[in-house]
Amino acid sequence: MNVSDRSRSRMIHPFSASPDGPPPPPDSSSAQDVRPIQPPPPATDGPMAGVPPGRSIGQRFLDLFIAPSRAFVAPRPVAMLWIGLALIAAVQLLDAVLLHDLQAARQLQMTERILDRDQNLAADKKAEVLAKAEGNSRGTRAVALEAISRIVAIGILGVLLPAALLLFGVNFGFAGRARFIDTLIVTTFSYLVTVPRDAILIPLRRLTGTLDIYAGPAVLSSPDSGLLFYVLMMFDLFDLYHLVPLALGLALVGGISRGKAWTLVLIFWGVWVLFTIGMASLAVSMGVA
């Protein structure tokens, strides 16, 4: 071998495995693709796989009972809020009109019970107070006032206040990114799961002439049972199911996991139960319930 051949034999290719040169790059075919296990991502407020966009309000209402998570998939039309509020107000108006006489009779019984506890009140004075209360419970004005008070109460205690508290819990308690309008839509539209219950109970109560018809364990009791009745009232089946679309909707609009959404909803529900039972206990002790 001549000198030129030996020189050529010692020329090292840049990618050769010679000790005189740099090491070869790693073989990507033999490298192991090791990826850390990631927790499942939180719910995202966007299109959902398998759910076509542009779902109608009617489809979303059915989804509340069939597939609650699809009821609030984006984009959510603002009409969900207005239609939800209109349906809630219509149910309260129907309840006030059709069941006013039964409600008035129960209010008179409570008034009479309170007056009977006052031993210093003369009999003629009691009769005068009862007659005045009975007169105020009659007429169109009384029905209108009851309907307005119901609508205002459910709008504040059933929609606005829960939406504000849940928004605070999502964004500040669990570092979510919910907007008030979206939280308001979820709170309002999820409340519509109680509409079928009212659509059944209102006519039944009207036909039977009694308010003591319930969609839960309270049917086994009565207002005369004292505090037990009000405890059982908190476990209405439709009210309990209301928590399902509420939690799933909050997870979507807030960008938090379903576990966190359920935690928030159950805390909110537990506080509401304790508050209601506390007020009922106070009313029972005072003899007004």
C-alpha atoms as a PDB file:
ATOM      1  CA  MET A   1       0.000   0.000   0.000  1.00  0.00           C
ATOM      2  CA  ASN A   2       1.439   3.326  -1.018  1.00  0.00           C
ATOM      3  CA  VAL A   3       1.427   6.524   0.990  1.00  0.00           C
ATOM      4  CA  SER A   4      -1.608   7.947  -0.699  1.00  0.00           C
ATOM      5  CA  ASP A   5      -3.624   4.806   0.041  1.00  0.00           C
ATOM      6  CA  ARG A   6      -2.622   4.869   3.699  1.00  0.00           C
ATOM      7  CA  SER A   7      -3.599   8.538   3.894  1.00  0.00           C
ATOM      8  CA  ARG A   8      -6.989   7.813   2.388  1.00  0.00           C
ATOM      9  CA  SER A   9      -7.520   4.935   4.810  1.00  0.00           C
ATOM     10  CA  ARG A  10      -6.954   7.224   7.774  1.00  0.00           C
ATOM     11  CA  MET A  11      -9.496   9.850   6.619  1.00  0.00           C
ATOM     12  CA  ILE A  12     -12.320   9.778   9.149  1.00  0.00           C
ATOM     13  CA  HIS A  13     -15.900  10.454   8.109  1.00  0.00           C
ATOM     14  CA  PRO A  14     -17.589  12.943  10.438  1.00  0.00           C
ATOM     15  CA  PHE A  15     -20.241  10.378  11.387  1.00  0.00           C
ATOM     16  CA  SER A  16     -17.956   7.345  11.712  1.00  0.00           C
ATOM     17  CA  ALA A  17     -17.519   5.499  15.004  1.00  0.00           C
ATOM     18  CA  SER A  18     -13.774   6.042  15.174  1.00  0.00           C
ATOM     19  CA  PRO A  19     -11.977   7.072  18.371  1.00  0.00           C
ATOM     20  CA  ASP A  20     -10.311   9.760  16.295  1.00  0.00           C
ATOM     21  CA  GLY A  21     -13.647  11.480  15.607  1.00  0.00           C
ATOM     22  CA  PRO A  22     -16.811  12.554  17.409  1.00  0.00           C
ATOM     23  CA  PRO A  23     -19.261   9.890  18.560  1.00  0.00           C
ATOM     24  CA  PRO A  24     -22.154   9.103  16.250  1.00  0.00           C
ATOM     25  CA  PRO A  25     -25.555  10.578  16.984  1.00  0.00           C
ATOM     26  CA  PRO A  26     -28.034   8.370  18.820  1.00  0.00           C
ATOM     27  CA  ASP A  27     -30.157   6.091  16.719  1.00  0.00           C
ATOM     28  CA  SER A  28     -33.675   7.419  16.934  1.00  0.00           C
ATOM     29  CA  SER A  29     -35.059   4.024  15.998  1.00  0.00           C
ATOM     30  CA  SER A  30     -33.563   2.421  19.105  1.00  0.00           C
ATOM     31  CA  ALA A  31     -34.203   5.273  21.561  1.00  0.00           C
ATOM     32  CA  GLN A  32     -37.013   4.723  23.992  1.00  0.00           C
ATOM     33  CA  ASP A  33     -39.842   7.238  23.929  1.00  0.00           C
ATOM     34  CA  VAL A  34     -40.437   7.698  27.649  1.00  0.00           C
ATOM     35  CA  ARG A  35     -43.188  10.185  28.511  1.00  0.00           C
ATOM     36  CA  PRO A  36     -44.329  11.089  32.010  1.00  0.00           C
ATOM     37  CA  ILE A  37     -47.890  10.203  32.937  1.00  0.00           C
ATOM     38  CA  GLN A  38     -49.977  13.328  32.863  1.00  0.00           C
ATOM     39  CA  PRO A  39     -53.226  13.769  34.783  1.00  0.00           C
ATOM     40  CA  PRO A  40     -56.352  14.184  32.652  1.00  0.00           C
ATOM     41  CA  PRO A  41     -56.825  17.789  31.559  1.00  0.00           C
ATOM     42  CA  PRO A  42     -59.666  19.786  33.045  1.00  0.00           C
ATOM     43  CA  ALA A  43     -62.850  20.337  31.100  1.00  0.00           C
ATOM     44  CA  THR A  44     -62.408  22.861  28.327  1.00  0.00           C
ATOM     45  CA  ASP A  45     -65.009  25.384  27.327  1.00  0.00           C
ATOM     46  CA  GLY A  46     -65.085  24.584  23.639  1.00  0.00           C
ATOM     47  CA  PRO A  47     -66.646  22.264  21.066  1.00  0.00           C
ATOM     48  CA  MET A  48     -67.173  18.733  22.359  1.00  0.00           C
ATOM     49  CA  ALA A  49     -66.253  15.672  20.329  1.00  0.00           C
ATOM     50  CA  GLY A  50     -69.301  14.073  18.760  1.00  0.00           C
ATOM     51  CA  VAL A  51     -71.552  17.046  19.541  1.00  0.00           C
ATOM     52  CA  PRO A  52     -72.407  19.168  16.506  1.00  0.00           C
ATOM     53  CA  PRO A  53     -72.303  22.947  17.064  1.00  0.00           C
ATOM     54  CA  GLY A  54     -75.397  25.092  16.975  1.00  0.00           C
ATOM     55  CA  ARG A  55     -77.607  22.932  19.209  1.00  0.00           C
ATOM     56  CA  SER A  56     -81.091  24.327  19.683  1.00  0.00           C
ATOM     57  CA  ILE A  57     -82.533  25.332  23.040  1.00  0.00           C
ATOM     58  CA  GLY A  58     -84.915  22.369  22.876  1.00  0.00           C
ATOM     59  CA  GLN A  59     -82.055  19.928  22.320  1.00  0.00           C
ATOM     60  CA  ARG A  60     -80.138  21.431  25.215  1.00  0.00           C
ATOM     61  CA  PHE A  61     -83.192  21.111  27.460  1.00  0.00           C
ATOM     62  CA  LEU A  62     -83.468  17.405  26.631  1.00  0.00           C
ATOM     63  CA  ASP A  63     -79.727  17.056  27.232  1.00  0.00           C
ATOM     64  CA  LEU A  64     -80.287  18.164  30.825  1.00  0.00           C
ATOM     65  CA  PHE A  65     -81.883  14.753  31.417  1.00  0.00           C
ATOM     66  CA  ILE A  66     -80.111  12.605  28.810  1.00  0.00           C
ATOM     67  CA  ALA A  67     -76.530  13.916  28.645  1.00  0.00           C
ATOM     68  CA  PRO A  68     -76.149  16.888  31.021  1.00  0.00           C
ATOM     69  CA  SER A  69     -72.592  17.759  29.953  1.00  0.00           C
ATOM     70  CA  ARG A  70     -73.766  18.413  26.378  1.00  0.00           C
ATOM     71  CA  ALA A  71     -76.368  20.955  27.509  1.00  0.00           C
ATOM     72  CA  PHE A  72     -73.711  23.615  28.100  1.00  0.00           C
ATOM     73  CA  VAL A  73     -71.249  22.918  25.308  1.00  0.00           C
ATOM     74  CA  ALA A  74     -69.958  26.075  23.633  1.00  0.00           C
ATOM     75  CA  PRO A  75     -71.093  28.208  21.964  1.00  0.00           C
ATOM     76  CA  ARG A  76     -73.916  28.890  24.429  1.00  0.00           C
ATOM     77  CA  PRO A  77     -76.560  31.311  23.134  1.00  0.00           C
ATOM     78  CA  VAL A  78     -77.651  34.028  25.545  1.00  0.00           C
ATOM     79  CA  ALA A  79     -81.203  32.913  24.739  1.00  0.00           C
ATOM     80  CA  MET A  80     -80.605  30.051  27.179  1.00  0.00           C
ATOM     81  CA  LEU A  81     -80.634  32.650  29.954  1.00  0.00           C
ATOM     82  CA  TRP A  82     -83.731  34.531  28.829  1.00  0.00           C
ATOM     83  CA  ILE A  83     -85.764  31.436  28.001  1.00  0.00           C
ATOM     84  CA  GLY A  84     -84.733  29.873  31.300  1.00  0.00           C
ATOM     85  CA  LEU A  85     -85.804  32.943  33.265  1.00  0.00           C
ATOM     86  CA  ALA A  86     -89.087  33.116  31.334  1.00  0.00           C
ATOM     87  CA  LEU A  87     -89.917  29.460  32.073  1.00  0.00           C
ATOM     88  CA  ILE A  88     -89.069  29.845  35.751  1.00  0.00           C
ATOM     89  CA  ALA A  89     -91.268  32.941  36.005  1.00  0.00           C
ATOM     90  CA  ALA A  90     -94.108  31.193  34.142  1.00  0.00           C
ATOM     91  CA  VAL A  91     -94.035  28.249  36.554  1.00  0.00           C
ATOM     92  CA  GLN A  92     -94.120  30.575  39.568  1.00  0.00           C
ATOM     93  CA  LEU A  93     -97.005  32.514  38.055  1.00  0.00           C
ATOM     94  CA  LEU A  94     -98.927  29.304  37.364  1.00  0.00           C
ATOM     95  CA  ASP A  95     -98.325  28.106  40.911  1.00  0.00           C
ATOM     96  CA  ALA A  96     -99.517  31.403  42.383  1.00  0.00           C
ATOM     97  CA  VAL A  97    -102.692  31.489  40.297  1.00  0.00           C
ATOM     98  CA  LEU A  98    -103.788  27.857  40.548  1.00  0.00           C
ATOM     99  CA  LEU A  99    -102.773  27.182  44.144  1.00  0.00           C
ATOM    100  CA  HIS A 100    -103.449  30.563  45.703  1.00  0.00           C
ATOM    101  CA  ASP A 101    -106.479  29.383  47.667  1.00  0.00           C
ATOM    102  CA  LEU A 102    -104.587  26.457  49.154  1.00  0.00           C
ATOM    103  CA  GLN A 103    -101.606  28.644  50.018  1.00  0.00           C
ATOM    104  CA  ALA A 104    -103.893  31.264  51.591  1.00  0.00           C
ATOM    105  CA  ALA A 105    -105.637  28.616  53.704  1.00  0.00           C
ATOM    106  CA  ARG A 106    -102.295  27.369  55.008  1.00  0.00           C
ATOM    107  CA  GLN A 107    -101.186  30.923  55.798  1.00  0.00           C
ATOM    108  CA  LEU A 108    -104.392  31.470  57.768  1.00  0.00           C
ATOM    109  CA  GLN A 109    -103.752  28.302  59.743  1.00  0.00           C
ATOM    110  CA  MET A 110    -100.270  29.533  60.610  1.00  0.00           C
ATOM    111  CA  THR A 111    -101.667  32.935  61.621  1.00  0.00           C
ATOM    112  CA  GLU A 112    -104.286  31.303  63.827  1.00  0.00           C
ATOM    113  CA  ARG A 113    -101.616  29.130  65.435  1.00  0.00           C
ATOM    114  CA  ILE A 114     -99.529  32.187  66.252  1.00  0.00           C
ATOM    115  CA  LEU A 115    -102.530  33.996  67.736  1.00  0.00           C
ATOM    116  CA  ASP A 116    -103.421  31.002  69.879  1.00  0.00           C
ATOM    117  CA  ARG A 117     -99.983  31.149  71.487  1.00  0.00           C
ATOM    118  CA  ASP A 118    -100.706  34.664  72.707  1.00  0.00           C
ATOM    119  CA  GLN A 119    -102.655  34.140  75.913  1.00  0.00           C
ATOM    120  CA  ASN A 120    -103.079  37.862  76.517  1.00  0.00           C
ATOM    121  CA  LEU A 121    -104.925  38.524  73.271  1.00  0.00           C
ATOM    122  CA  ALA A 122    -108.694  38.748  73.611  1.00  0.00           C
ATOM    123  CA  ALA A 123    -110.905  36.434  71.567  1.00  0.00           C
ATOM    124  CA  ASP A 124    -112.603  39.282  69.705  1.00  0.00           C
ATOM    125  CA  LYS A 125    -109.215  40.736  68.794  1.00  0.00           C
ATOM    126  CA  LYS A 126    -108.093  37.357  67.439  1.00  0.00           C
ATOM    127  CA  ALA A 127    -111.220  37.114  65.344  1.00  0.00           C
ATOM    128  CA  GLU A 128    -110.613  40.604  63.992  1.00  0.00           C
ATOM    129  CA  VAL A 129    -107.029  39.805  63.013  1.00  0.00           C
ATOM    130  CA  LEU A 130    -108.073  36.559  61.325  1.00  0.00           C
ATOM    131  CA  ALA A 131    -110.871  38.277  59.416  1.00  0.00           C
ATOM    132  CA  LYS A 132    -108.490  40.938  58.173  1.00  0.00           C
ATOM    133  CA  ALA A 133    -105.905  38.333  57.124  1.00  0.00           C
ATOM    134  CA  GLU A 134    -108.566  36.362  55.286  1.00  0.00           C
ATOM    135  CA  GLY A 135    -109.770  39.484  53.487  1.00  0.00           C
ATOM    136  CA  ASN A 136    -106.228  40.381  52.409  1.00  0.00           C
ATOM    137  CA  SER A 137    -105.720  36.897  50.963  1.00  0.00           C
ATOM    138  CA  ARG A 138    -108.578  37.230  48.485  1.00  0.00           C
ATOM    139  CA  GLY A 139    -108.858  38.980  45.160  1.00  0.00           C
ATOM    140  CA  THR A 140    -106.686  39.602  42.132  1.00  0.00           C
ATOM    141  CA  ARG A 141    -104.374  41.921  44.028  1.00  0.00           C
ATOM    142  CA  ALA A 142    -103.439  39.172  46.480  1.00  0.00           C
ATOM    143  CA  VAL A 143    -102.727  36.741  43.652  1.00  0.00           C
ATOM    144  CA  ALA A 144    -100.611  39.316  41.811  1.00  0.00           C
ATOM    145  CA  LEU A 145     -98.609  40.138  44.932  1.00  0.00           C
ATOM    146  CA  GLU A 146     -97.963  36.469  45.592  1.00  0.00           C
ATOM    147  CA  ALA A 147     -96.849  35.875  42.006  1.00  0.00           C
ATOM    148  CA  ILE A 148     -94.512  38.881  42.027  1.00  0.00           C
ATOM    149  CA  SER A 149     -93.009  37.920  45.374  1.00  0.00           C
ATOM    150  CA  ARG A 150     -92.416  34.370  44.157  1.00  0.00           C
ATOM    151  CA  ILE A 151     -90.744  35.490  40.936  1.00  0.00           C
ATOM    152  CA  VAL A 152     -88.532  38.007  42.722  1.00  0.00           C
ATOM    153  CA  ALA A 153     -87.571  35.508  45.428  1.00  0.00           C
ATOM    154  CA  ILE A 154     -86.656  32.739  42.989  1.00  0.00           C
ATOM    155  CA  GLY A 155     -84.796  35.211  40.795  1.00  0.00           C
ATOM    156  CA  ILE A 156     -82.625  36.403  43.674  1.00  0.00           C
ATOM    157  CA  LEU A 157     -82.286  33.315  45.886  1.00  0.00           C
ATOM    158  CA  GLY A 158     -82.479  30.719  43.142  1.00  0.00           C
ATOM    159  CA  VAL A 159     -80.506  32.353  40.322  1.00  0.00           C
ATOM    160  CA  LEU A 160     -78.557  35.560  41.002  1.00  0.00           C
ATOM    161  CA  LEU A 161     -77.163  34.778  44.452  1.00  0.00           C
ATOM    162  CA  PRO A 162     -76.138  31.173  43.619  1.00  0.00           C
ATOM    163  CA  ALA A 163     -74.516  32.346  40.376  1.00  0.00           C
ATOM    164  CA  ALA A 164     -72.480  34.988  42.188  1.00  0.00           C
ATOM    165  CA  LEU A 165     -71.363  32.580  44.920  1.00  0.00           C
ATOM    166  CA  LEU A 166     -70.486  29.829  42.464  1.00  0.00           C
ATOM    167  CA  LEU A 167     -68.559  32.273  40.289  1.00  0.00           C
ATOM    168  CA  PHE A 168     -66.527  33.320  43.311  1.00  0.00           C
ATOM    169  CA  GLY A 169     -65.879  29.690  44.228  1.00  0.00           C
ATOM    170  CA  VAL A 170     -64.799  28.701  40.704  1.00  0.00           C
ATOM    171  CA  ASN A 171     -62.466  31.637  40.059  1.00  0.00           C
ATOM    172  CA  PHE A 172     -61.029  32.281  43.511  1.00  0.00           C
ATOM    173  CA  GLY A 173     -61.430  28.903  45.166  1.00  0.00           C
ATOM    174  CA  PHE A 174     -60.249  26.712  42.278  1.00  0.00           C
ATOM    175  CA  ALA A 175     -58.425  29.213  40.019  1.00  0.00           C
ATOM    176  CA  GLY A 176     -60.982  28.876  37.228  1.00  0.00           C
ATOM    177  CA  ARG A 177     -61.732  31.287  34.432  1.00  0.00           C
ATOM    178  CA  ALA A 178     -65.528  31.509  34.416  1.00  0.00           C
ATOM    179  CA  ARG A 179     -67.413  34.593  33.317  1.00  0.00           C
ATOM    180  CA  PHE A 180     -70.485  35.794  35.182  1.00  0.00           C
ATOM    181  CA  ILE A 181     -72.755  35.537  32.135  1.00  0.00           C
ATOM    182  CA  ASP A 182     -71.743  31.908  31.565  1.00  0.00           C
ATOM    183  CA  THR A 183     -72.193  31.048  35.236  1.00  0.00           C
ATOM    184  CA  LEU A 184     -75.588  32.752  35.159  1.00  0.00           C
ATOM    185  CA  ILE A 185     -76.594  30.699  32.117  1.00  0.00           C
ATOM    186  CA  VAL A 186     -75.564  27.461  33.829  1.00  0.00           C
ATOM    187  CA  THR A 187     -77.355  28.358  37.061  1.00  0.00           C
ATOM    188  CA  THR A 188     -80.546  29.382  35.273  1.00  0.00           C
ATOM    189  CA  PHE A 189     -80.733  26.669  32.628  1.00  0.00           C
ATOM    190  CA  SER A 190     -79.845  23.823  35.008  1.00  0.00           C
ATOM    191  CA  TYR A 191     -82.713  24.944  37.262  1.00  0.00           C
ATOM    192  CA  LEU A 192     -85.111  23.950  34.468  1.00  0.00           C
ATOM    193  CA  VAL A 193     -84.834  20.296  35.538  1.00  0.00           C
ATOM    194  CA  THR A 194     -87.466  21.186  38.171  1.00  0.00           C
ATOM    195  CA  VAL A 195     -89.997  22.308  35.527  1.00  0.00           C
ATOM    196  CA  PRO A 196     -91.328  18.773  34.839  1.00  0.00           C
ATOM    197  CA  ARG A 197     -91.853  18.265  38.566  1.00  0.00           C
ATOM    198  CA  ASP A 198     -93.875  21.473  38.895  1.00  0.00           C
ATOM    199  CA  ALA A 199     -95.800  20.680  35.717  1.00  0.00           C
ATOM    200  CA  ILE A 200     -96.974  17.475  37.404  1.00  0.00           C
ATOM    201  CA  LEU A 201     -97.398  18.585  41.022  1.00  0.00           C
ATOM    202  CA  ILE A 202     -99.289  21.839  40.407  1.00  0.00           C
ATOM    203  CA  PRO A 203    -102.252  20.182  38.616  1.00  0.00           C
ATOM    204  CA  LEU A 204    -102.244  17.279  41.099  1.00  0.00           C
ATOM    205  CA  ARG A 205    -102.381  19.622  44.064  1.00  0.00           C
ATOM    206  CA  ARG A 206    -105.134  21.609  42.399  1.00  0.00           C
ATOM    207  CA  LEU A 207    -107.217  18.501  41.691  1.00  0.00           C
ATOM    208  CA  THR A 208    -106.733  16.908  45.123  1.00  0.00           C
ATOM    209  CA  GLY A 209    -107.116  20.154  47.062  1.00  0.00           C
ATOM    210  CA  THR A 210    -103.975  19.643  49.122  1.00  0.00           C
ATOM    211  CA  LEU A 211    -100.419  20.933  49.011  1.00  0.00           C
ATOM    212  CA  ASP A 212     -99.035  17.811  50.670  1.00  0.00           C
ATOM    213  CA  ILE A 213     -97.910  16.098  47.456  1.00  0.00           C
ATOM    214  CA  TYR A 214     -94.151  15.923  47.016  1.00  0.00           C
ATOM    215  CA  ALA A 215     -91.515  14.375  44.740  1.00  0.00           C
ATOM    216  CA  GLY A 216     -89.341  12.939  47.454  1.00  0.00           C
ATOM    217  CA  PRO A 217     -89.285  11.444  50.955  1.00  0.00           C
ATOM    218  CA  ALA A 218     -91.341  14.365  52.284  1.00  0.00           C
ATOM    219  CA  VAL A 219     -94.377  12.515  50.914  1.00  0.00           C
ATOM    220  CA  LEU A 220     -94.010  10.189  53.910  1.00  0.00           C
ATOM    221  CA  SER A 221     -94.414  13.109  56.309  1.00  0.00           C
ATOM    222  CA  SER A 222     -96.484  16.282  56.703  1.00  0.00           C
ATOM    223  CA  PRO A 223     -95.943  19.863  57.932  1.00  0.00           C
ATOM    224  CA  ASP A 224     -97.360  18.763  61.302  1.00  0.00           C
ATOM    225  CA  SER A 225     -94.345  16.477  61.752  1.00  0.00           C
ATOM    226  CA  GLY A 226     -92.242  19.440  62.756  1.00  0.00           C
ATOM    227  CA  LEU A 227     -88.580  19.714  61.838  1.00  0.00           C
ATOM    228  CA  LEU A 228     -88.459  16.229  60.286  1.00  0.00           C
ATOM    229  CA  PHE A 229     -90.718  17.391  57.471  1.00  0.00           C
ATOM    230  CA  TYR A 230     -88.401  20.247  56.517  1.00  0.00           C
ATOM    231  CA  VAL A 231     -85.374  17.964  56.626  1.00  0.00           C
ATOM    232  CA  LEU A 232     -87.063  15.520  54.235  1.00  0.00           C
ATOM    233  CA  MET A 233     -88.050  18.421  51.963  1.00  0.00           C
ATOM    234  CA  MET A 234     -84.359  19.034  51.244  1.00  0.00           C
ATOM    235  CA  PHE A 235     -84.130  15.636  49.522  1.00  0.00           C
ATOM    236  CA  ASP A 236     -86.573  16.309  46.721  1.00  0.00           C
ATOM    237  CA  LEU A 237     -85.521  14.072  43.826  1.00  0.00           C
ATOM    238  CA  PHE A 238     -85.577  16.832  41.216  1.00  0.00           C
ATOM    239  CA  ASP A 239     -83.669  19.230  43.465  1.00  0.00           C
ATOM    240  CA  LEU A 240     -81.007  16.587  44.011  1.00  0.00           C
ATOM    241  CA  TYR A 241     -80.718  15.866  40.294  1.00  0.00           C
ATOM    242  CA  HIS A 242     -80.384  19.609  39.703  1.00  0.00           C
ATOM    243  CA  LEU A 243     -76.888  19.309  41.176  1.00  0.00           C
ATOM    244  CA  VAL A 244     -75.758  17.094  38.261  1.00  0.00           C
ATOM    245  CA  PRO A 245     -76.117  19.550  35.336  1.00  0.00           C
ATOM    246  CA  LEU A 246     -75.058  22.373  37.628  1.00  0.00           C
ATOM    247  CA  ALA A 247     -71.725  20.708  38.455  1.00  0.00           C
ATOM    248  CA  LEU A 248     -71.035  19.583  34.892  1.00  0.00           C
ATOM    249  CA  GLY A 249     -71.885  23.011  33.525  1.00  0.00           C
ATOM    250  CA  LEU A 250     -69.594  24.745  36.007  1.00  0.00           C
ATOM    251  CA  ALA A 251     -66.741  22.440  35.031  1.00  0.00           C
ATOM    252  CA  LEU A 252     -67.153  23.478  31.394  1.00  0.00           C
ATOM    253  CA  VAL A 253     -67.546  27.232  31.791  1.00  0.00           C
ATOM    254  CA  GLY A 254     -64.932  27.473  34.549  1.00  0.00           C
ATOM    255  CA  GLY A 255     -62.280  25.300  32.968  1.00  0.00           C
ATOM    256  CA  ILE A 256     -61.923  23.187  36.127  1.00  0.00           C
ATOM    257  CA  SER A 257     -62.106  19.450  36.677  1.00  0.00           C
ATOM    258  CA  ARG A 258     -65.415  17.786  37.380  1.00  0.00           C
ATOM    259  CA  GLY A 259     -64.161  16.736  40.789  1.00  0.00           C
ATOM    260  CA  LYS A 260     -63.540  20.350  41.769  1.00  0.00           C
ATOM    261  CA  ALA A 261     -66.910  21.386  40.353  1.00  0.00           C
ATOM    262  CA  TRP A 262     -68.666  18.678  42.346  1.00  0.00           C
ATOM    263  CA  THR A 263     -66.807  19.720  45.485  1.00  0.00           C
ATOM    264  CA  LEU A 264     -67.954  23.306  45.057  1.00  0.00           C
ATOM    265  CA  VAL A 265     -71.571  22.366  44.317  1.00  0.00           C
ATOM    266  CA  LEU A 266     -71.810  19.982  47.274  1.00  0.00           C
ATOM    267  CA  ILE A 267     -70.362  22.602  49.618  1.00  0.00           C
ATOM    268  CA  PHE A 268     -72.867  25.131  48.339  1.00  0.00           C
ATOM    269  CA  TRP A 269     -75.735  22.644  48.704  1.00  0.00           C
ATOM    270  CA  GLY A 270     -74.632  21.644  52.205  1.00  0.00           C
ATOM    271  CA  VAL A 271     -74.540  25.268  53.375  1.00  0.00           C
ATOM    272  CA  TRP A 272     -78.000  25.825  51.893  1.00  0.00           C
ATOM    273  CA  VAL A 273     -79.364  22.729  53.660  1.00  0.00           C
ATOM    274  CA  LEU A 274     -77.965  23.826  57.009  1.00  0.00           C
ATOM    275  CA  PHE A 275     -79.353  27.344  56.557  1.00  0.00           C
ATOM    276  CA  THR A 276     -82.802  26.066  55.582  1.00  0.00           C
ATOM    277  CA  ILE A 277     -82.982  23.559  58.418  1.00  0.00           C
ATOM    278  CA  GLY A 278     -81.811  26.230  60.858  1.00  0.00           C
ATOM    279  CA  MET A 279     -84.539  28.638  59.751  1.00  0.00           C
ATOM    280  CA  ALA A 280     -87.116  25.840  59.890  1.00  0.00           C
ATOM    281  CA  SER A 281     -86.004  24.896  63.382  1.00  0.00           C
ATOM    282  CA  LEU A 282     -86.423  28.507  64.472  1.00  0.00           C
ATOM    283  CA  ALA A 283     -89.895  28.645  62.920  1.00  0.00           C
ATOM    284  CA  VAL A 284     -90.934  25.396  64.606  1.00  0.00           C
ATOM    285  CA  SER A 285     -89.714  26.598  67.992  1.00  0.00           C
ATOM    286  CA  MET A 286     -91.714  29.803  67.571  1.00  0.00           C
ATOM    287  CA  GLY A 287     -94.796  27.842  66.580  1.00  0.00           C
ATOM    288  CA  VAL A 288     -95.118  29.405  63.124  1.00  0.00           C
ATOM    289  CA  ALA A 289     -94.372  26.195  61.186  1.00  0.00           C
END
